[in-house]
PDB file of N, CA and C in Angstrom:
ATOM      1  N   MET A   1      11.968  20.427 -39.264  1.00  0.00           N
ATOM      2  CA  MET A   1      11.050  19.931 -38.270  1.00  0.00           C
ATOM      3  C   MET A   1       9.743  19.519 -38.933  1.00  0.00           C
ATOM      4  N   THR A   2       9.354  20.222 -39.987  1.00  0.00           N
ATOM      5  CA  THR A   2       8.085  19.940 -40.651  1.00  0.00           C
ATOM      6  C   THR A   2       8.074  18.526 -41.223  1.00  0.00           C
ATOM      7  N   ALA A   3       9.151  18.147 -41.908  1.00  0.00           N
ATOM      8  CA  ALA A   3       9.197  16.820 -42.522  1.00  0.00           C
ATOM      9  C   ALA A   3       9.134  15.723 -41.462  1.00  0.00           C
ATOM     10  N   GLY A   4       9.839  15.927 -40.345  1.00  0.00           N
ATOM     11  CA  GLY A   4       9.821  14.929 -39.272  1.00  0.00           C
ATOM     12  C   GLY A   4       8.446  14.782 -38.654  1.00  0.00           C
ATOM     13  N   CYS A   5       7.760  15.922 -38.436  1.00  0.00           N
ATOM     14  CA  CYS A   5       6.421  15.871 -37.845  1.00  0.00           C
ATOM     15  C   CYS A   5       5.415  15.227 -38.783  1.00  0.00           C
ATOM     16  N   GLU A   6       5.527  15.524 -40.071  1.00  0.00           N
ATOM     17  CA  GLU A   6       4.623  14.900 -41.042  1.00  0.00           C
ATOM     18  C   GLU A   6       4.858  13.401 -41.112  1.00  0.00           C
ATOM     19  N   THR A   7       6.112  12.987 -41.046  1.00  0.00           N
ATOM     20  CA  THR A   7       6.440  11.562 -41.094  1.00  0.00           C
ATOM     21  C   THR A   7       5.868  10.832 -39.877  1.00  0.00           C
ATOM     22  N   LEU A   8       5.985  11.462 -38.716  1.00  0.00           N
ATOM     23  CA  LEU A   8       5.488  10.847 -37.486  1.00  0.00           C
ATOM     24  C   LEU A   8       3.985  11.014 -37.308  1.00  0.00           C
ATOM     25  N   GLY A   9       3.410  11.965 -38.027  1.00  0.00           N
ATOM     26  CA  GLY A   9       1.974  12.191 -37.922  1.00  0.00           C
ATOM     27  C   GLY A   9       1.581  12.935 -36.660  1.00  0.00           C
ATOM     28  N   VAL A  10       2.436  13.848 -36.202  1.00  0.00           N
ATOM     29  CA  VAL A  10       2.129  14.643 -35.027  1.00  0.00           C
ATOM     30  C   VAL A  10       2.124  16.119 -35.398  1.00  0.00           C
ATOM     31  N   ALA A  11       1.450  16.917 -34.579  1.00  0.00           N
ATOM     32  CA  ALA A  11       1.369  18.350 -34.846  1.00  0.00           C
ATOM     33  C   ALA A  11       2.711  19.013 -34.539  1.00  0.00           C
ATOM     34  N   ARG A  12       3.101  19.919 -35.434  1.00  0.00           N
ATOM     35  CA  ARG A  12       4.358  20.624 -35.263  1.00  0.00           C
ATOM     36  C   ARG A  12       4.337  21.507 -34.011  1.00  0.00           C
ATOM     37  N   SER A  13       3.172  22.084 -33.704  1.00  0.00           N
ATOM     38  CA  SER A  13       3.062  22.944 -32.531  1.00  0.00           C
ATOM     39  C   SER A  13       3.309  22.163 -31.240  1.00  0.00           C
ATOM     40  N   ASN A  14       2.881  20.917 -31.217  1.00  0.00           N
ATOM     41  CA  ASN A  14       3.094  20.073 -30.042  1.00  0.00           C
ATOM     42  C   ASN A  14       4.583  19.838 -29.819  1.00  0.00           C
ATOM     43  N   ILE A  15       5.312  19.531 -30.875  1.00  0.00           N
ATOM     44  CA  ILE A  15       6.741  19.273 -30.761  1.00  0.00           C
ATOM     45  C   ILE A  15       7.474  20.551 -30.355  1.00  0.00           C
ATOM     46  N   ALA A  16       7.097  21.676 -30.947  1.00  0.00           N
ATOM     47  CA  ALA A  16       7.747  22.947 -30.612  1.00  0.00           C
ATOM     48  C   ALA A  16       7.515  23.302 -29.146  1.00  0.00           C
ATOM     49  N   GLU A  17       6.320  23.038 -28.635  1.00  0.00           N
ATOM     50  CA  GLU A  17       6.017  23.330 -27.229  1.00  0.00           C
ATOM     51  C   GLU A  17       6.848  22.453 -26.302  1.00  0.00           C
ATOM     52  N   ARG A  18       7.011  21.196 -26.640  1.00  0.00           N
ATOM     53  CA  ARG A  18       7.813  20.285 -25.820  1.00  0.00           C
ATOM     54  C   ARG A  18       9.282  20.694 -25.792  1.00  0.00           C
ATOM     55  N   VAL A  19       9.772  21.210 -26.910  1.00  0.00           N
ATOM     56  CA  VAL A  19      11.168  21.641 -26.961  1.00  0.00           C
ATOM     57  C   VAL A  19      11.378  22.851 -26.055  1.00  0.00           C
ATOM     58  N   ARG A  20      10.405  23.736 -25.976  1.00  0.00           N
ATOM     59  CA  ARG A  20      10.529  24.959 -25.169  1.00  0.00           C
ATOM     60  C   ARG A  20      10.382  24.707 -23.678  1.00  0.00           C
ATOM     61  N   GLN A  21       9.697  23.648 -23.296  1.00  0.00           N
ATOM     62  CA  GLN A  21       9.448  23.389 -21.872  1.00  0.00           C
ATOM     63  C   GLN A  21      10.729  23.026 -21.137  1.00  0.00           C
ATOM     64  N   ARG A  22      10.680  23.262 -19.825  1.00  0.00           N
ATOM     65  CA  ARG A  22      11.796  22.869 -18.974  1.00  0.00           C
ATOM     66  C   ARG A  22      11.818  21.347 -18.856  1.00  0.00           C
ATOM     67  N   PRO A  23      12.990  20.780 -18.617  1.00  0.00           N
ATOM     68  CA  PRO A  23      13.026  19.332 -18.384  1.00  0.00           C
ATOM     69  C   PRO A  23      12.299  18.996 -17.090  1.00  0.00           C
ATOM     70  N   PRO A  24      11.638  17.846 -17.021  1.00  0.00           N
ATOM     71  CA  PRO A  24      10.892  17.484 -15.804  1.00  0.00           C
ATOM     72  C   PRO A  24      11.835  17.295 -14.621  1.00  0.00           C
ATOM     73  N   ARG A  25      11.403  17.801 -13.467  1.00  0.00           N
ATOM     74  CA  ARG A  25      12.184  17.648 -12.240  1.00  0.00           C
ATOM     75  C   ARG A  25      11.758  16.373 -11.520  1.00  0.00           C
ATOM     76  N   ALA A  26      12.638  15.881 -10.720  1.00  0.00           N
ATOM     77  CA  ALA A  26      12.312  14.716  -9.905  1.00  0.00           C
ATOM     78  C   ALA A  26      11.290  15.123  -8.843  1.00  0.00           C
ATOM     79  N   ARG A  27      10.333  14.257  -8.603  1.00  0.00           N
ATOM     80  CA  ARG A  27       9.311  14.540  -7.599  1.00  0.00           C
ATOM     81  C   ARG A  27       9.772  14.106  -6.225  1.00  0.00           C
ATOM     82  N   GLY A  28       9.219  14.743  -5.237  1.00  0.00           N
ATOM     83  CA  GLY A  28       9.525  14.364  -3.859  1.00  0.00           C
ATOM     84  C   GLY A  28      10.809  14.989  -3.374  1.00  0.00           C
ATOM     85  N   ARG A  29      11.133  14.682  -2.161  1.00  0.00           N
ATOM     86  CA  ARG A  29      12.350  15.232  -1.588  1.00  0.00           C
ATOM     87  C   ARG A  29      13.454  14.182  -1.641  1.00  0.00           C
ATOM     88  N   PRO A  30      14.691  14.619  -1.670  1.00  0.00           N
ATOM     89  CA  PRO A  30      15.791  13.640  -1.677  1.00  0.00           C
ATOM     90  C   PRO A  30      15.881  12.941  -0.334  1.00  0.00           C
ATOM     91  N   PRO A  31      16.316  11.700  -0.321  1.00  0.00           N
ATOM     92  CA  PRO A  31      16.406  10.978   0.948  1.00  0.00           C
ATOM     93  C   PRO A  31      17.438  11.606   1.873  1.00  0.00           C
ATOM     94  N   ILE A  32      17.125  11.606   3.143  1.00  0.00           N
ATOM     95  CA  ILE A  32      18.018  12.162   4.160  1.00  0.00           C
ATOM     96  C   ILE A  32      19.012  11.075   4.568  1.00  0.00           C
ATOM     97  N   ALA A  33      20.261  11.428   4.571  1.00  0.00           N
ATOM     98  CA  ALA A  33      21.295  10.457   4.945  1.00  0.00           C
ATOM     99  C   ALA A  33      21.205  10.145   6.438  1.00  0.00           C
ATOM    100  N   GLU A  34      21.308   8.885   6.766  1.00  0.00           N
ATOM    101  CA  GLU A  34      21.289   8.441   8.155  1.00  0.00           C
ATOM    102  C   GLU A  34      22.621   7.755   8.443  1.00  0.00           C
ATOM    103  N   PRO A  35      23.571   8.505   9.003  1.00  0.00           N
ATOM    104  CA  PRO A  35      24.912   7.922   9.207  1.00  0.00           C
ATOM    105  C   PRO A  35      24.921   6.718  10.139  1.00  0.00           C
ATOM    106  N   GLU A  36      24.067   6.708  11.157  1.00  0.00           N
ATOM    107  CA  GLU A  36      24.058   5.568  12.078  1.00  0.00           C
ATOM    108  C   GLU A  36      23.582   4.300  11.371  1.00  0.00           C
ATOM    109  N   LEU A  37      22.540   4.445  10.550  1.00  0.00           N
ATOM    110  CA  LEU A  37      22.025   3.301   9.805  1.00  0.00           C
ATOM    111  C   LEU A  37      23.071   2.809   8.811  1.00  0.00           C
ATOM    112  N   MET A  38      23.740   3.737   8.148  1.00  0.00           N
ATOM    113  CA  MET A  38      24.776   3.353   7.186  1.00  0.00           C
ATOM    114  C   MET A  38      25.908   2.599   7.883  1.00  0.00           C
ATOM    115  N   ASP A  39      26.288   3.047   9.067  1.00  0.00           N
ATOM    116  CA  ASP A  39      27.346   2.361   9.813  1.00  0.00           C
ATOM    117  C   ASP A  39      26.929   0.943  10.184  1.00  0.00           C
ATOM    118  N   GLU A  40      25.673   0.791  10.630  1.00  0.00           N
ATOM    119  CA  GLU A  40      25.179  -0.543  10.986  1.00  0.00           C
ATOM    120  C   GLU A  40      25.162  -1.461   9.772  1.00  0.00           C
ATOM    121  N   ILE A  41      24.702  -0.945   8.644  1.00  0.00           N
ATOM    122  CA  ILE A  41      24.641  -1.752   7.420  1.00  0.00           C
ATOM    123  C   ILE A  41      26.048  -2.162   6.993  1.00  0.00           C
ATOM    124  N   LYS A  42      26.989  -1.219   7.066  1.00  0.00           N
ATOM    125  CA  LYS A  42      28.360  -1.529   6.651  1.00  0.00           C
ATOM    126  C   LYS A  42      29.004  -2.575   7.546  1.00  0.00           C
ATOM    127  N   THR A  43      28.736  -2.536   8.844  1.00  0.00           N
ATOM    128  CA  THR A  43      29.314  -3.546   9.731  1.00  0.00           C
ATOM    129  C   THR A  43      28.727  -4.924   9.438  1.00  0.00           C
ATOM    130  N   ILE A  44      27.434  -4.978   9.146  1.00  0.00           N
ATOM    131  CA  ILE A  44      26.806  -6.267   8.812  1.00  0.00           C
ATOM    132  C   ILE A  44      27.381  -6.808   7.510  1.00  0.00           C
ATOM    133  N   ILE A  45      27.546  -5.931   6.515  1.00  0.00           N
ATOM    134  CA  ILE A  45      28.067  -6.373   5.221  1.00  0.00           C
ATOM    135  C   ILE A  45      29.539  -6.763   5.332  1.00  0.00           C
ATOM    136  N   ASP A  46      30.294  -6.090   6.192  1.00  0.00           N
ATOM    137  CA  ASP A  46      31.691  -6.470   6.394  1.00  0.00           C
ATOM    138  C   ASP A  46      31.792  -7.874   6.975  1.00  0.00           C
ATOM    139  N   ASP A  47      30.894  -8.207   7.902  1.00  0.00           N
ATOM    140  CA  ASP A  47      30.902  -9.535   8.517  1.00  0.00           C
ATOM    141  C   ASP A  47      30.400 -10.608   7.556  1.00  0.00           C
ATOM    142  N   MET A  48      29.352 -10.276   6.805  1.00  0.00           N
ATOM    143  CA  MET A  48      28.717 -11.243   5.912  1.00  0.00           C
ATOM    144  C   MET A  48      28.516 -10.609   4.518  1.00  0.00           C
ATOM    145  N   PRO A  49      29.545 -10.602   3.666  1.00  0.00           N
ATOM    146  CA  PRO A  49      29.462  -9.892   2.386  1.00  0.00           C
ATOM    147  C   PRO A  49      28.490 -10.503   1.381  1.00  0.00           C
ATOM    148  N   THR A  50      28.085 -11.749   1.581  1.00  0.00           N
ATOM    149  CA  THR A  50      27.171 -12.364   0.621  1.00  0.00           C
ATOM    150  C   THR A  50      25.706 -12.077   0.917  1.00  0.00           C
ATOM    151  N   TYR A  51      25.434 -11.410   2.033  1.00  0.00           N
ATOM    152  CA  TYR A  51      24.054 -11.111   2.408  1.00  0.00           C
ATOM    153  C   TYR A  51      23.503  -9.987   1.538  1.00  0.00           C
ATOM    154  N   GLY A  52      22.261 -10.155   1.111  1.00  0.00           N
ATOM    155  CA  GLY A  52      21.573  -9.137   0.346  1.00  0.00           C
ATOM    156  C   GLY A  52      20.794  -8.212   1.261  1.00  0.00           C
ATOM    157  N   TYR A  53      20.023  -7.323   0.626  1.00  0.00           N
ATOM    158  CA  TYR A  53      19.317  -6.322   1.431  1.00  0.00           C
ATOM    159  C   TYR A  53      18.228  -6.950   2.296  1.00  0.00           C
ATOM    160  N   ARG A  54      17.637  -8.057   1.866  1.00  0.00           N
ATOM    161  CA  ARG A  54      16.577  -8.680   2.671  1.00  0.00           C
ATOM    162  C   ARG A  54      17.140  -9.256   3.975  1.00  0.00           C
ATOM    163  N   ARG A  55      18.259  -9.937   3.874  1.00  0.00           N
ATOM    164  CA  ARG A  55      18.862 -10.504   5.086  1.00  0.00           C
ATOM    165  C   ARG A  55      19.399  -9.412   5.991  1.00  0.00           C
ATOM    166  N   VAL A  56      20.004  -8.384   5.380  1.00  0.00           N
ATOM    167  CA  VAL A  56      20.524  -7.273   6.178  1.00  0.00           C
ATOM    168  C   VAL A  56      19.379  -6.590   6.914  1.00  0.00           C
ATOM    169  N   HIS A  57      18.251  -6.394   6.231  1.00  0.00           N
ATOM    170  CA  HIS A  57      17.098  -5.772   6.876  1.00  0.00           C
ATOM    171  C   HIS A  57      16.577  -6.647   8.010  1.00  0.00           C
ATOM    172  N   ALA A  58      16.572  -7.960   7.807  1.00  0.00           N
ATOM    173  CA  ALA A  58      16.104  -8.859   8.862  1.00  0.00           C
ATOM    174  C   ALA A  58      16.998  -8.766  10.091  1.00  0.00           C
ATOM    175  N   ILE A  59      18.305  -8.674   9.876  1.00  0.00           N
ATOM    176  CA  ILE A  59      19.230  -8.547  11.008  1.00  0.00           C
ATOM    177  C   ILE A  59      19.008  -7.220  11.725  1.00  0.00           C
ATOM    178  N   LEU A  60      18.857  -6.142  10.953  1.00  0.00           N
ATOM    179  CA  LEU A  60      18.600  -4.826  11.556  1.00  0.00           C
ATOM    180  C   LEU A  60      17.293  -4.817  12.335  1.00  0.00           C
ATOM    181  N   ARG A  61      16.268  -5.470  11.779  1.00  0.00           N
ATOM    182  CA  ARG A  61      14.968  -5.521  12.441  1.00  0.00           C
ATOM    183  C   ARG A  61      15.064  -6.296  13.747  1.00  0.00           C
ATOM    184  N   ARG A  62      15.754  -7.426  13.713  1.00  0.00           N
ATOM    185  CA  ARG A  62      15.917  -8.237  14.910  1.00  0.00           C
ATOM    186  C   ARG A  62      16.682  -7.480  16.005  1.00  0.00           C
ATOM    187  N   LYS A  63      17.737  -6.789  15.574  1.00  0.00           N
ATOM    188  CA  LYS A  63      18.547  -6.023  16.528  1.00  0.00           C
ATOM    189  C   LYS A  63      17.741  -4.877  17.135  1.00  0.00           C
ATOM    190  N   ALA A  64      16.963  -4.167  16.310  1.00  0.00           N
ATOM    191  CA  ALA A  64      16.154  -3.055  16.810  1.00  0.00           C
ATOM    192  C   ALA A  64      15.063  -3.556  17.742  1.00  0.00           C
ATOM    193  N   ARG A  65      14.476  -4.704  17.419  1.00  0.00           N
ATOM    194  CA  ARG A  65      13.423  -5.260  18.256  1.00  0.00           C
ATOM    195  C   ARG A  65      13.965  -5.647  19.631  1.00  0.00           C
ATOM    196  N   SER A  66      15.197  -6.172  19.657  1.00  0.00           N
ATOM    197  CA  SER A  66      15.776  -6.558  20.946  1.00  0.00           C
ATOM    198  C   SER A  66      16.132  -5.335  21.791  1.00  0.00           C
ATOM    199  N   GLU A  67      16.387  -4.181  21.120  1.00  0.00           N
ATOM    200  CA  GLU A  67      16.715  -2.947  21.832  1.00  0.00           C
ATOM    201  C   GLU A  67      15.488  -2.062  22.058  1.00  0.00           C
ATOM    202  N   ASN A  68      14.307  -2.565  21.737  1.00  0.00           N
ATOM    203  CA  ASN A  68      13.040  -1.838  21.898  1.00  0.00           C
ATOM    204  C   ASN A  68      13.055  -0.458  21.221  1.00  0.00           C
ATOM    205  N   ARG A  69      13.462  -0.435  19.967  1.00  0.00           N
ATOM    206  CA  ARG A  69      13.429   0.804  19.184  1.00  0.00           C
ATOM    207  C   ARG A  69      12.839   0.476  17.807  1.00  0.00           C
ATOM    208  N   PRO A  70      12.353   1.481  17.091  1.00  0.00           N
ATOM    209  CA  PRO A  70      11.769   1.193  15.770  1.00  0.00           C
ATOM    210  C   PRO A  70      12.836   0.768  14.773  1.00  0.00           C
ATOM    211  N   TRP A  71      12.483  -0.188  13.926  1.00  0.00           N
ATOM    212  CA  TRP A  71      13.447  -0.649  12.933  1.00  0.00           C
ATOM    213  C   TRP A  71      13.304   0.161  11.648  1.00  0.00           C
ATOM    214  N   PRO A  72      14.342   0.148  10.825  1.00  0.00           N
ATOM    215  CA  PRO A  72      14.310   0.949   9.609  1.00  0.00           C
ATOM    216  C   PRO A  72      13.404   0.339   8.554  1.00  0.00           C
ATOM    217  N   ASN A  73      12.904   1.169   7.691  1.00  0.00           N
ATOM    218  CA  ASN A  73      12.095   0.716   6.582  1.00  0.00           C
ATOM    219  C   ASN A  73      12.981  -0.078   5.620  1.00  0.00           C
ATOM    220  N   ALA A  74      12.443  -1.120   5.011  1.00  0.00           N
ATOM    221  CA  ALA A  74      13.224  -1.958   4.099  1.00  0.00           C
ATOM    222  C   ALA A  74      13.719  -1.152   2.893  1.00  0.00           C
ATOM    223  N   LYS A  75      12.971  -0.130   2.506  1.00  0.00           N
ATOM    224  CA  LYS A  75      13.382   0.685   1.360  1.00  0.00           C
ATOM    225  C   LYS A  75      14.613   1.518   1.678  1.00  0.00           C
ATOM    226  N   ARG A  76      14.846   1.821   2.943  1.00  0.00           N
ATOM    227  CA  ARG A  76      16.021   2.593   3.327  1.00  0.00           C
ATOM    228  C   ARG A  76      17.287   1.738   3.277  1.00  0.00           C
ATOM    229  N   VAL A  77      17.114   0.426   3.450  1.00  0.00           N
ATOM    230  CA  VAL A  77      18.265  -0.478   3.441  1.00  0.00           C
ATOM    231  C   VAL A  77      18.713  -0.661   2.011  1.00  0.00           C
TER     232      VAL A  77
END
């Protein structure tokens, strides 16, 4: 380890501390599955397989607006 640290020009104590630390965990909470949204997306994609997420989101937004309910966030699509 000494030769590698000298070659890189970093302190050996820094490298040893990083090796001992736990691996970083993912931040935030995992996304909650929404089966109804997934079903709607799958039906749209089955009808129009060439549509991307932007068009699918636009269709979902239009449908939700006509039913007077909140539409899904584009990041969820």
